[in-house]
Amino acid sequence: KDGQYNGRFPYATAPNRATNVPVKVPHADGEKTVMVNEKQTPTLDKAVVPLGKFRCTADKPAVVTVTTEGTDGYVVADAVQLLPVVAK
């Protein structure tokens, strides 16, 4: 569905995790890459790191890609969330 979405990336921390996990999100307004440090506790409820806000359309949906390219430890991807932004 067309609209704004908050991207979120949940993961579990561990000492052997990578500090430089690239999470790529192409969307209707371009592409964003967020580097995630999986050794650090996520900032939202100690479970999720925010990726940002993305505009999606039917012809240009958000596609989230988590890779291990160039990382310095284990990469764990438990889930990816795209939650609609609710107008207040």
N, C-alpha and C. Protein backbone atom coordinates (compact mmCIF):
# COMPACT_ATOMS: atom_id res chain seq x y z
N LYS A 1 0.85 -1.18 0.00
CA LYS A 1 0.00 0.00 0.00
C LYS A 1 0.89 1.24 0.00
N ASP A 2 0.55 2.23 -0.79
CA ASP A 2 1.30 3.48 -0.83
C ASP A 2 1.30 4.14 0.55
N GLY A 3 2.44 4.72 0.92
CA GLY A 3 2.50 5.44 2.19
C GLY A 3 3.88 5.48 2.79
N GLN A 4 3.96 6.06 3.99
CA GLN A 4 5.19 6.15 4.76
C GLN A 4 5.27 4.96 5.73
N TYR A 5 6.47 4.40 5.85
CA TYR A 5 6.68 3.26 6.72
C TYR A 5 7.93 3.46 7.56
N ASN A 6 7.86 3.05 8.82
CA ASN A 6 9.03 3.03 9.68
C ASN A 6 9.69 1.66 9.53
N GLY A 7 10.98 1.69 9.20
CA GLY A 7 11.73 0.45 9.10
C GLY A 7 12.37 0.13 10.44
N ARG A 8 12.30 -1.13 10.84
CA ARG A 8 12.88 -1.56 12.11
C ARG A 8 13.56 -2.91 11.92
N PHE A 9 14.67 -3.10 12.64
CA PHE A 9 15.48 -4.31 12.50
C PHE A 9 15.75 -4.90 13.89
N PRO A 10 15.01 -5.96 14.25
CA PRO A 10 15.25 -6.61 15.54
C PRO A 10 16.41 -7.61 15.43
N TYR A 11 17.18 -7.73 16.49
CA TYR A 11 18.26 -8.72 16.55
C TYR A 11 18.65 -8.96 17.99
N ALA A 12 19.33 -10.08 18.22
CA ALA A 12 19.86 -10.40 19.54
C ALA A 12 21.36 -10.12 19.55
N THR A 13 21.83 -9.48 20.60
CA THR A 13 23.25 -9.16 20.70
C THR A 13 24.05 -10.38 21.16
N ALA A 14 25.34 -10.36 20.85
CA ALA A 14 26.27 -11.39 21.32
C ALA A 14 27.68 -10.89 21.04
N PRO A 15 28.67 -11.37 21.79
CA PRO A 15 30.04 -10.90 21.61
C PRO A 15 30.65 -11.23 20.24
N ASN A 16 30.14 -12.27 19.58
CA ASN A 16 30.71 -12.67 18.29
C ASN A 16 30.00 -12.05 17.09
N ARG A 17 29.07 -11.13 17.33
CA ARG A 17 28.32 -10.51 16.25
C ARG A 17 29.15 -9.43 15.54
N ALA A 18 28.75 -9.12 14.32
CA ALA A 18 29.42 -8.09 13.53
C ALA A 18 29.08 -6.69 14.04
N THR A 19 30.03 -5.79 13.89
CA THR A 19 29.81 -4.39 14.27
C THR A 19 29.44 -3.53 13.08
N ASN A 20 29.41 -4.12 11.89
CA ASN A 20 29.21 -3.34 10.66
C ASN A 20 28.28 -4.05 9.67
N VAL A 21 27.08 -4.34 10.11
CA VAL A 21 26.10 -5.06 9.28
C VAL A 21 25.39 -4.06 8.35
N PRO A 22 25.56 -4.20 7.03
CA PRO A 22 24.86 -3.30 6.12
C PRO A 22 23.42 -3.75 5.88
N VAL A 23 22.49 -2.85 6.17
CA VAL A 23 21.06 -3.09 5.92
C VAL A 23 20.64 -2.08 4.87
N LYS A 24 20.34 -2.55 3.67
CA LYS A 24 20.00 -1.68 2.54
C LYS A 24 18.50 -1.64 2.32
N VAL A 25 17.99 -0.42 2.13
CA VAL A 25 16.55 -0.23 1.92
C VAL A 25 16.33 0.69 0.72
N PRO A 26 16.15 0.11 -0.49
CA PRO A 26 15.71 0.94 -1.60
C PRO A 26 14.21 1.23 -1.42
N HIS A 27 13.80 2.43 -1.77
CA HIS A 27 12.41 2.84 -1.57
C HIS A 27 12.04 3.86 -2.64
N ALA A 28 10.85 4.42 -2.55
CA ALA A 28 10.35 5.31 -3.60
C ALA A 28 11.19 6.57 -3.77
N ASP A 29 11.91 7.00 -2.74
CA ASP A 29 12.70 8.23 -2.82
C ASP A 29 14.20 7.99 -2.96
N GLY A 30 14.61 6.78 -3.20
CA GLY A 30 16.04 6.49 -3.36
C GLY A 30 16.44 5.20 -2.64
N GLU A 31 17.61 5.24 -2.02
CA GLU A 31 18.11 4.07 -1.29
C GLU A 31 18.87 4.55 -0.06
N LYS A 32 18.74 3.80 1.01
CA LYS A 32 19.45 4.12 2.24
C LYS A 32 20.12 2.84 2.74
N THR A 33 21.37 2.97 3.19
CA THR A 33 22.06 1.86 3.84
C THR A 33 22.35 2.28 5.27
N VAL A 34 21.90 1.44 6.20
CA VAL A 34 22.14 1.67 7.62
C VAL A 34 23.14 0.63 8.09
N MET A 35 24.19 1.07 8.77
CA MET A 35 25.17 0.14 9.34
C MET A 35 24.74 -0.16 10.77
N VAL A 36 24.56 -1.45 11.07
CA VAL A 36 24.08 -1.87 12.39
C VAL A 36 25.21 -2.57 13.12
N ASN A 37 25.41 -2.21 14.38
CA ASN A 37 26.38 -2.86 15.24
C ASN A 37 25.64 -3.86 16.12
N GLU A 38 25.72 -5.14 15.77
CA GLU A 38 24.98 -6.17 16.50
C GLU A 38 25.62 -6.55 17.84
N LYS A 39 26.74 -5.94 18.18
CA LYS A 39 27.31 -6.13 19.52
C LYS A 39 26.64 -5.19 20.52
N GLN A 40 26.02 -4.13 20.02
CA GLN A 40 25.35 -3.16 20.88
C GLN A 40 23.88 -3.52 21.06
N THR A 41 23.34 -3.23 22.23
CA THR A 41 21.93 -3.46 22.51
C THR A 41 21.09 -2.53 21.64
N PRO A 42 20.07 -3.06 20.96
CA PRO A 42 19.21 -2.20 20.14
C PRO A 42 18.56 -1.10 20.98
N THR A 43 18.28 0.01 20.35
CA THR A 43 17.83 1.21 21.07
C THR A 43 16.34 1.23 21.41
N LEU A 44 15.51 0.51 20.70
CA LEU A 44 14.07 0.49 20.99
C LEU A 44 13.72 -0.76 21.79
N ASP A 45 13.35 -0.55 23.04
CA ASP A 45 12.95 -1.65 23.92
C ASP A 45 14.02 -2.74 24.04
N LYS A 46 15.27 -2.37 23.80
CA LYS A 46 16.39 -3.31 23.88
C LYS A 46 16.23 -4.51 22.95
N ALA A 47 15.46 -4.31 21.87
CA ALA A 47 15.20 -5.41 20.95
C ALA A 47 15.25 -5.02 19.47
N VAL A 48 15.09 -3.73 19.18
CA VAL A 48 14.92 -3.29 17.79
C VAL A 48 15.73 -2.02 17.55
N VAL A 49 16.35 -1.93 16.38
CA VAL A 49 17.03 -0.69 15.98
C VAL A 49 16.21 -0.07 14.84
N PRO A 50 15.94 1.25 14.92
CA PRO A 50 15.21 1.90 13.83
C PRO A 50 16.10 2.07 12.60
N LEU A 51 15.53 1.85 11.44
CA LEU A 51 16.25 2.03 10.17
C LEU A 51 15.93 3.37 9.53
N GLY A 52 14.79 3.94 9.88
CA GLY A 52 14.37 5.21 9.30
C GLY A 52 12.96 5.13 8.76
N LYS A 53 12.53 6.23 8.15
CA LYS A 53 11.19 6.32 7.57
C LYS A 53 11.34 6.28 6.05
N PHE A 54 10.48 5.49 5.41
CA PHE A 54 10.59 5.28 3.97
C PHE A 54 9.23 5.43 3.31
N ARG A 55 9.21 6.08 2.15
CA ARG A 55 7.98 6.19 1.36
C ARG A 55 7.96 5.04 0.38
N CYS A 56 6.86 4.32 0.37
CA CYS A 56 6.69 3.18 -0.53
C CYS A 56 5.48 3.43 -1.44
N THR A 57 5.59 2.93 -2.65
CA THR A 57 4.49 3.02 -3.61
C THR A 57 4.31 1.64 -4.23
N ALA A 58 3.20 1.47 -4.93
CA ALA A 58 2.93 0.18 -5.56
C ALA A 58 4.02 -0.19 -6.57
N ASP A 59 4.55 0.80 -7.27
CA ASP A 59 5.57 0.50 -8.27
C ASP A 59 6.99 0.59 -7.71
N LYS A 60 7.16 1.04 -6.48
CA LYS A 60 8.48 1.11 -5.86
C LYS A 60 8.36 0.78 -4.36
N PRO A 61 8.12 -0.49 -4.07
CA PRO A 61 8.01 -0.89 -2.66
C PRO A 61 9.39 -0.94 -2.00
N ALA A 62 9.42 -0.87 -0.69
CA ALA A 62 10.67 -1.03 0.05
C ALA A 62 11.08 -2.50 0.00
N VAL A 63 12.36 -2.71 -0.19
CA VAL A 63 12.92 -4.06 -0.19
C VAL A 63 14.12 -4.00 0.74
N VAL A 64 14.08 -4.74 1.83
CA VAL A 64 15.16 -4.69 2.81
C VAL A 64 16.11 -5.85 2.57
N THR A 65 17.41 -5.52 2.45
CA THR A 65 18.43 -6.54 2.22
C THR A 65 19.49 -6.44 3.33
N VAL A 66 19.71 -7.56 4.02
CA VAL A 66 20.75 -7.65 5.04
C VAL A 66 21.84 -8.55 4.45
N THR A 67 23.08 -8.04 4.42
CA THR A 67 24.16 -8.83 3.83
C THR A 67 25.28 -9.05 4.84
N THR A 68 26.18 -9.96 4.47
CA THR A 68 27.37 -10.22 5.29
C THR A 68 28.62 -9.66 4.62
N GLU A 69 28.44 -8.96 3.52
CA GLU A 69 29.57 -8.44 2.75
C GLU A 69 30.41 -7.47 3.59
N GLY A 70 31.68 -7.81 3.79
CA GLY A 70 32.61 -6.94 4.50
C GLY A 70 32.43 -6.90 6.01
N THR A 71 31.61 -7.76 6.56
CA THR A 71 31.36 -7.71 8.00
C THR A 71 32.49 -8.35 8.79
N ASP A 72 32.55 -8.00 10.07
CA ASP A 72 33.65 -8.46 10.93
C ASP A 72 33.21 -9.43 12.02
N GLY A 73 32.12 -10.14 11.79
CA GLY A 73 31.62 -11.11 12.75
C GLY A 73 30.37 -11.77 12.21
N TYR A 74 29.69 -12.51 13.07
CA TYR A 74 28.45 -13.17 12.66
C TYR A 74 27.34 -12.15 12.49
N VAL A 75 26.51 -12.37 11.46
CA VAL A 75 25.36 -11.51 11.19
C VAL A 75 24.11 -12.34 11.45
N VAL A 76 23.24 -11.80 12.31
CA VAL A 76 21.99 -12.48 12.62
C VAL A 76 20.84 -11.55 12.25
N ALA A 77 19.92 -12.04 11.45
CA ALA A 77 18.73 -11.28 11.07
C ALA A 77 17.51 -12.04 11.56
N ASP A 78 16.95 -11.58 12.66
CA ASP A 78 15.78 -12.24 13.23
C ASP A 78 14.51 -11.87 12.47
N ALA A 79 14.44 -10.63 12.04
CA ALA A 79 13.25 -10.15 11.35
C ALA A 79 13.52 -8.76 10.80
N VAL A 80 12.62 -8.29 9.97
CA VAL A 80 12.61 -6.91 9.50
C VAL A 80 11.16 -6.46 9.58
N GLN A 81 10.95 -5.24 10.06
CA GLN A 81 9.59 -4.72 10.18
C GLN A 81 9.46 -3.44 9.35
N LEU A 82 8.37 -3.34 8.63
CA LEU A 82 7.97 -2.09 7.96
C LEU A 82 6.58 -1.77 8.48
N LEU A 83 6.50 -0.79 9.36
CA LEU A 83 5.25 -0.45 10.01
C LEU A 83 4.70 0.85 9.46
N PRO A 84 3.42 0.88 9.06
CA PRO A 84 2.84 2.11 8.53
C PRO A 84 2.93 3.25 9.54
N VAL A 85 3.27 4.43 9.06
CA VAL A 85 3.29 5.62 9.92
C VAL A 85 1.85 6.07 10.09
N VAL A 86 1.43 6.20 11.32
CA VAL A 86 0.06 6.59 11.62
C VAL A 86 0.02 8.10 11.85
N ALA A 87 -0.85 8.78 11.12
CA ALA A 87 -1.00 10.24 11.29
C ALA A 87 -1.59 10.55 12.66
N LYS A 88 -1.05 11.59 13.28
CA LYS A 88 -1.54 11.97 14.61
C LYS A 88 -2.46 13.16 14.54
